[in-house]
Each structure stands twice: as C-alpha cells, then as structure tokens.
Amino acid sequence: MKIELRNYQKDIVEKAISSTESTLIQIPTGGGKTLMAKEIASVLISQYHKQVLFVAPKIILMEQTAKVFASLTHKSCMV
C-alpha cells in the first residue's frame, strides 16, 4: 500500500533533498516524519547513490520505522 505524501510533506522532502547543508526536520507527532524520511532516503539512495543512516532513540520507534522502510527495494537497504 503506497501512501501519498501531503503537499506540505512533499515541499519538505524537496527542500531536504535539494539542500546542500545539514537538514533538521521538526514536525509534531503524527505529522508523517517517518514517511518523509523514507521518501528522502529512497531518493538519495536511488538517484544520488548516497548512504542514509536513520537513528531513533527507542527500539519501538526503530521497529515502526523498519515496517515503513520495508518497501524500499534498493539492495543496500537494511532495516
């Protein structure tokens, strides 16, 4: 099941990808941070051949993230 990003999320993703500096995205709970991170990771890996590291402070958050990132198909993706 593919979830379509909302317009504000698409805008954030585009700005993060096009940025030449370190980027911090801060959004309230339920704002779609993990979905945006997945989209950013997908683009950076597939189009720019970059490596991506996703860090979370709790195991449960990493488990949730792994479920969202599971649809990434790049051979070097590990969750």
N, C-alpha and C. Protein backbone atom coordinates (compact mmCIF):
# COMPACT_ATOMS: atom_id res chain seq x y z
N MET A 1 0.83 -1.18 0.00
CA MET A 1 0.00 0.00 0.00
C MET A 1 0.88 1.25 0.00
N LYS A 2 0.73 2.06 -1.02
CA LYS A 2 1.52 3.29 -1.13
C LYS A 2 0.70 4.45 -0.58
N ILE A 3 1.32 5.18 0.33
CA ILE A 3 0.67 6.33 0.93
C ILE A 3 1.20 7.58 0.23
N GLU A 4 0.30 8.40 -0.27
CA GLU A 4 0.66 9.63 -0.96
C GLU A 4 1.00 10.70 0.08
N LEU A 5 2.13 11.36 -0.12
CA LEU A 5 2.51 12.45 0.78
C LEU A 5 1.60 13.65 0.57
N ARG A 6 1.35 14.36 1.64
CA ARG A 6 0.58 15.60 1.55
C ARG A 6 1.47 16.68 0.95
N ASN A 7 0.85 17.78 0.50
CA ASN A 7 1.61 18.84 -0.16
C ASN A 7 2.71 19.41 0.74
N TYR A 8 2.42 19.64 2.02
CA TYR A 8 3.45 20.20 2.90
C TYR A 8 4.59 19.21 3.08
N GLN A 9 4.28 17.91 3.07
CA GLN A 9 5.31 16.89 3.20
C GLN A 9 6.18 16.85 1.94
N LYS A 10 5.54 16.94 0.78
CA LYS A 10 6.28 16.96 -0.48
C LYS A 10 7.23 18.15 -0.51
N ASP A 11 6.77 19.30 -0.05
CA ASP A 11 7.59 20.51 -0.02
C ASP A 11 8.81 20.31 0.88
N ILE A 12 8.59 19.73 2.05
CA ILE A 12 9.69 19.47 2.98
C ILE A 12 10.69 18.49 2.37
N VAL A 13 10.20 17.43 1.76
CA VAL A 13 11.06 16.43 1.13
C VAL A 13 11.91 17.07 0.04
N GLU A 14 11.29 17.86 -0.82
CA GLU A 14 12.02 18.53 -1.90
C GLU A 14 13.09 19.46 -1.36
N LYS A 15 12.76 20.23 -0.33
CA LYS A 15 13.73 21.14 0.26
C LYS A 15 14.89 20.38 0.91
N ALA A 16 14.58 19.29 1.58
CA ALA A 16 15.63 18.50 2.23
C ALA A 16 16.57 17.88 1.20
N ILE A 17 16.01 17.36 0.13
CA ILE A 17 16.82 16.72 -0.91
C ILE A 17 17.70 17.74 -1.63
N SER A 18 17.15 18.91 -1.88
CA SER A 18 17.90 19.91 -2.65
C SER A 18 18.88 20.72 -1.79
N SER A 19 18.81 20.57 -0.48
CA SER A 19 19.68 21.32 0.41
C SER A 19 21.13 20.84 0.29
N THR A 20 22.04 21.78 0.36
CA THR A 20 23.46 21.43 0.35
C THR A 20 24.05 21.44 1.75
N GLU A 21 23.22 21.70 2.74
CA GLU A 21 23.66 21.76 4.13
C GLU A 21 22.95 20.69 4.94
N SER A 22 23.39 20.49 6.17
CA SER A 22 22.71 19.57 7.07
C SER A 22 21.28 20.06 7.28
N THR A 23 20.37 19.12 7.39
CA THR A 23 18.96 19.47 7.48
C THR A 23 18.33 18.82 8.70
N LEU A 24 17.55 19.59 9.42
CA LEU A 24 16.78 19.09 10.55
C LEU A 24 15.32 19.32 10.25
N ILE A 25 14.52 18.27 10.34
CA ILE A 25 13.08 18.38 10.11
C ILE A 25 12.39 18.14 11.45
N GLN A 26 11.63 19.12 11.88
CA GLN A 26 10.92 19.03 13.15
C GLN A 26 9.44 19.20 12.89
N ILE A 27 8.68 18.15 13.21
CA ILE A 27 7.24 18.13 12.96
C ILE A 27 6.57 17.44 14.14
N PRO A 28 5.37 17.87 14.53
CA PRO A 28 4.68 17.24 15.66
C PRO A 28 4.35 15.76 15.42
N THR A 29 4.04 15.06 16.48
CA THR A 29 3.63 13.67 16.41
C THR A 29 2.49 13.52 15.41
N GLY A 30 2.59 12.52 14.55
CA GLY A 30 1.54 12.27 13.57
C GLY A 30 1.69 13.08 12.29
N GLY A 31 2.77 13.85 12.18
CA GLY A 31 2.97 14.70 11.02
C GLY A 31 3.56 14.00 9.82
N GLY A 32 3.97 12.75 9.98
CA GLY A 32 4.48 11.98 8.86
C GLY A 32 5.99 12.02 8.70
N LYS A 33 6.70 12.18 9.79
CA LYS A 33 8.17 12.26 9.73
C LYS A 33 8.78 10.99 9.14
N THR A 34 8.30 9.84 9.54
CA THR A 34 8.86 8.59 9.06
C THR A 34 8.59 8.40 7.57
N LEU A 35 7.40 8.75 7.12
CA LEU A 35 7.08 8.65 5.70
C LEU A 35 7.96 9.58 4.88
N MET A 36 8.19 10.78 5.40
CA MET A 36 9.06 11.73 4.69
C MET A 36 10.50 11.22 4.70
N ALA A 37 10.95 10.66 5.81
CA ALA A 37 12.31 10.12 5.89
C ALA A 37 12.48 8.99 4.87
N LYS A 38 11.47 8.15 4.74
CA LYS A 38 11.51 7.06 3.76
C LYS A 38 11.63 7.63 2.35
N GLU A 39 10.87 8.64 2.04
CA GLU A 39 10.91 9.24 0.71
C GLU A 39 12.28 9.89 0.46
N ILE A 40 12.79 10.60 1.44
CA ILE A 40 14.10 11.23 1.31
C ILE A 40 15.17 10.17 1.11
N ALA A 41 15.13 9.12 1.93
CA ALA A 41 16.12 8.04 1.82
C ALA A 41 16.03 7.38 0.45
N SER A 42 14.84 7.12 -0.01
CA SER A 42 14.64 6.48 -1.30
C SER A 42 15.27 7.29 -2.43
N VAL A 43 15.01 8.58 -2.44
CA VAL A 43 15.55 9.45 -3.49
C VAL A 43 17.07 9.55 -3.38
N LEU A 44 17.58 9.76 -2.18
CA LEU A 44 19.03 9.90 -2.00
C LEU A 44 19.78 8.63 -2.39
N ILE A 45 19.19 7.49 -2.11
CA ILE A 45 19.84 6.21 -2.44
C ILE A 45 19.74 5.93 -3.94
N SER A 46 18.55 6.03 -4.49
CA SER A 46 18.35 5.62 -5.88
C SER A 46 18.86 6.64 -6.90
N GLN A 47 18.69 7.92 -6.64
CA GLN A 47 19.07 8.92 -7.63
C GLN A 47 20.46 9.51 -7.41
N TYR A 48 20.87 9.61 -6.15
CA TYR A 48 22.14 10.26 -5.85
C TYR A 48 23.21 9.30 -5.32
N HIS A 49 22.86 8.02 -5.19
CA HIS A 49 23.78 6.98 -4.72
C HIS A 49 24.43 7.35 -3.39
N LYS A 50 23.63 7.91 -2.50
CA LYS A 50 24.09 8.31 -1.17
C LYS A 50 23.80 7.20 -0.18
N GLN A 51 24.49 7.25 0.95
CA GLN A 51 24.19 6.36 2.07
C GLN A 51 23.33 7.13 3.06
N VAL A 52 22.41 6.44 3.70
CA VAL A 52 21.49 7.07 4.64
C VAL A 52 21.52 6.30 5.95
N LEU A 53 21.60 7.04 7.04
CA LEU A 53 21.55 6.44 8.37
C LEU A 53 20.33 7.02 9.08
N PHE A 54 19.46 6.16 9.57
CA PHE A 54 18.27 6.57 10.32
C PHE A 54 18.47 6.15 11.76
N VAL A 55 18.36 7.08 12.67
CA VAL A 55 18.58 6.81 14.09
C VAL A 55 17.32 7.18 14.85
N ALA A 56 16.95 6.34 15.82
CA ALA A 56 15.80 6.62 16.68
C ALA A 56 16.18 6.28 18.12
N PRO A 57 15.62 7.01 19.09
CA PRO A 57 16.03 6.83 20.48
C PRO A 57 15.40 5.62 21.18
N LYS A 58 14.46 4.96 20.56
CA LYS A 58 13.77 3.84 21.20
C LYS A 58 13.66 2.67 20.23
N ILE A 59 13.75 1.47 20.74
CA ILE A 59 13.64 0.28 19.90
C ILE A 59 12.28 0.24 19.22
N ILE A 60 11.24 0.57 19.92
CA ILE A 60 9.89 0.52 19.34
C ILE A 60 9.78 1.47 18.14
N LEU A 61 10.46 2.61 18.20
CA LEU A 61 10.45 3.55 17.07
C LEU A 61 11.20 2.97 15.88
N MET A 62 12.28 2.26 16.13
CA MET A 62 13.01 1.62 15.04
C MET A 62 12.20 0.49 14.43
N GLU A 63 11.46 -0.23 15.25
CA GLU A 63 10.60 -1.30 14.73
C GLU A 63 9.51 -0.72 13.84
N GLN A 64 8.92 0.39 14.26
CA GLN A 64 7.91 1.06 13.43
C GLN A 64 8.52 1.57 12.13
N THR A 65 9.71 2.13 12.24
CA THR A 65 10.41 2.65 11.07
C THR A 65 10.75 1.52 10.10
N ALA A 66 11.19 0.40 10.62
CA ALA A 66 11.52 -0.75 9.78
C ALA A 66 10.32 -1.19 8.95
N LYS A 67 9.14 -1.14 9.53
CA LYS A 67 7.92 -1.50 8.79
C LYS A 67 7.66 -0.53 7.64
N VAL A 68 7.86 0.76 7.90
CA VAL A 68 7.64 1.77 6.87
C VAL A 68 8.71 1.66 5.78
N PHE A 69 9.96 1.42 6.17
CA PHE A 69 11.07 1.35 5.22
C PHE A 69 11.12 0.01 4.49
N ALA A 70 10.33 -0.97 4.91
CA ALA A 70 10.40 -2.31 4.34
C ALA A 70 10.15 -2.34 2.84
N SER A 71 9.42 -1.39 2.32
CA SER A 71 9.12 -1.38 0.89
C SER A 71 10.25 -0.82 0.05
N LEU A 72 11.30 -0.26 0.69
CA LEU A 72 12.46 0.18 -0.08
C LEU A 72 13.13 -1.04 -0.68
N THR A 73 13.43 -0.98 -1.94
CA THR A 73 13.93 -2.18 -2.63
C THR A 73 15.39 -2.11 -2.99
N HIS A 74 16.07 -1.04 -2.66
CA HIS A 74 17.47 -0.93 -3.03
C HIS A 74 18.28 -2.02 -2.33
N LYS A 75 19.22 -2.60 -3.03
CA LYS A 75 19.95 -3.75 -2.50
C LYS A 75 20.76 -3.45 -1.24
N SER A 76 21.12 -2.17 -1.02
CA SER A 76 21.95 -1.87 0.15
C SER A 76 21.11 -1.42 1.34
N CYS A 77 19.80 -1.43 1.22
CA CYS A 77 18.94 -1.01 2.32
C CYS A 77 18.86 -2.13 3.35
N MET A 78 19.12 -1.79 4.58
CA MET A 78 18.99 -2.75 5.66
C MET A 78 18.21 -2.09 6.78
N VAL A 79 17.25 -2.79 7.32
CA VAL A 79 16.49 -2.31 8.47
C VAL A 79 16.47 -3.36 9.54
